């Protein structure tokens, strides 16, 4: 676990001007994080998850093509930042 002296050294390398109470808090927080990581590393997995192609693909839904109704279209246009009448303006995708 890092000590306050090590935290001061790291802060100096990072060119951070930390106050004494910030160093104490950072030391505590970093030690808590490292303790939690150690706990996670010690945890044993009871079950292996098979990552086959079929399991991965089954988690997606089918695409559904539908035409938005008039109210949805009006809301989109109304809330779009750059618009002109019933058209919305987007940034160029292709350049000459």
Protein backbone atom coordinates (compact mmCIF):
# COMPACT_ATOMS: atom_id res chain seq x y z
CA UNK A 1 0.00 0.00 0.00
CA UNK A 2 1.35 3.41 -0.92
CA UNK A 3 2.46 5.68 1.91
CA UNK A 4 2.02 9.44 2.12
CA UNK A 5 5.65 9.88 1.07
CA UNK A 6 5.01 7.83 -2.06
CA UNK A 7 1.88 9.86 -2.82
CA UNK A 8 3.91 13.08 -2.40
CA UNK A 9 6.54 11.71 -4.79
CA UNK A 10 3.90 10.75 -7.39
CA UNK A 11 2.26 14.17 -7.02
CA UNK A 12 5.64 15.83 -7.56
CA UNK A 13 6.26 13.75 -10.70
CA UNK A 14 2.80 14.71 -11.98
CA UNK A 15 3.50 18.35 -11.07
CA UNK A 16 0.51 18.46 -8.73
CA UNK A 17 0.58 20.96 -5.89
CA UNK A 18 -1.37 19.11 -3.20
CA UNK A 19 -2.14 20.33 0.30
CA UNK A 20 -1.46 18.07 3.27
CA UNK A 21 -5.15 17.19 3.75
CA UNK A 22 -5.43 16.33 0.03
CA UNK A 23 -2.44 13.99 0.34
CA UNK A 24 -4.01 12.27 3.36
CA UNK A 25 -7.35 11.86 1.55
CA UNK A 26 -5.65 10.61 -1.61
CA UNK A 27 -3.63 8.10 0.40
CA UNK A 28 -6.76 6.77 2.11
CA UNK A 29 -8.75 6.63 -1.15
CA UNK A 30 -5.97 4.93 -3.09
CA UNK A 31 -5.49 2.34 -0.36
CA UNK A 32 -9.23 1.60 -0.36
CA UNK A 33 -9.20 1.19 -4.13
CA UNK A 34 -6.17 -1.11 -4.02
CA UNK A 35 -7.74 -3.17 -1.19
CA UNK A 36 -10.89 -3.61 -3.29
CA UNK A 37 -8.85 -4.67 -6.33
CA UNK A 38 -7.01 -7.19 -4.16
CA UNK A 39 -10.36 -8.52 -2.95
CA UNK A 40 -11.59 -8.86 -6.53
CA UNK A 41 -8.42 -10.67 -7.57
CA UNK A 42 -8.86 -13.16 -4.72
CA UNK A 43 -12.47 -13.90 -5.62
CA UNK A 44 -12.96 -17.24 -7.32
CA UNK A 45 -15.28 -17.73 -10.22
CA UNK A 46 -17.77 -20.51 -9.64
CA UNK A 47 -19.00 -20.67 -13.18
CA UNK A 48 -17.22 -20.13 -16.46
CA UNK A 49 -19.10 -18.19 -19.08
CA UNK A 50 -18.90 -19.63 -22.54
CA UNK A 51 -18.42 -16.90 -25.07
CA UNK A 52 -19.54 -18.61 -28.19
CA UNK A 53 -20.77 -16.81 -31.25
CA UNK A 54 -24.34 -18.01 -30.67
CA UNK A 55 -24.51 -16.65 -27.12
CA UNK A 56 -23.21 -13.29 -28.25
CA UNK A 57 -25.58 -12.86 -31.15
CA UNK A 58 -28.67 -13.94 -29.24
CA UNK A 59 -28.41 -10.89 -26.99
CA UNK A 60 -29.30 -8.52 -29.83
CA UNK A 61 -32.78 -7.71 -30.97
CA UNK A 62 -33.92 -7.67 -34.56
CA UNK A 63 -33.96 -4.31 -36.28
CA UNK A 64 -37.43 -2.92 -36.76
CA UNK A 65 -37.97 -0.50 -39.61
CA UNK A 66 -40.86 1.85 -39.07
CA UNK A 67 -41.85 5.28 -40.25
CA UNK A 68 -42.03 7.86 -37.43
CA UNK A 69 -45.41 9.50 -37.07
CA UNK A 70 -45.95 13.21 -37.69
CA UNK A 71 -45.60 14.15 -33.99
CA UNK A 72 -42.22 12.37 -33.72
CA UNK A 73 -40.96 14.14 -36.85
CA UNK A 74 -42.06 17.53 -35.52
CA UNK A 75 -40.36 16.87 -32.16
CA UNK A 76 -37.12 15.92 -33.87
CA UNK A 77 -37.13 19.04 -36.02
CA UNK A 78 -38.19 21.27 -33.13
CA UNK A 79 -35.38 20.02 -30.87
CA UNK A 80 -32.63 19.98 -33.50
CA UNK A 81 -30.13 22.85 -33.08
CA UNK A 82 -29.56 23.67 -36.77
CA UNK A 83 -32.71 23.61 -38.88
CA UNK A 84 -34.46 25.42 -41.67
CA UNK A 85 -38.23 25.00 -42.02
CA UNK A 86 -38.85 21.24 -42.11
CA UNK A 87 -35.20 20.31 -42.77
CA UNK A 88 -32.35 19.67 -40.36
CA UNK A 89 -28.76 20.59 -41.15
CA UNK A 90 -25.91 18.23 -40.25
CA UNK A 91 -22.14 18.44 -40.65
CA UNK A 92 -20.55 17.29 -43.90
CA UNK A 93 -19.71 13.62 -44.03
CA UNK A 94 -17.98 13.56 -47.39
CA UNK A 95 -15.54 16.21 -48.53
CA UNK A 96 -14.45 17.05 -52.06
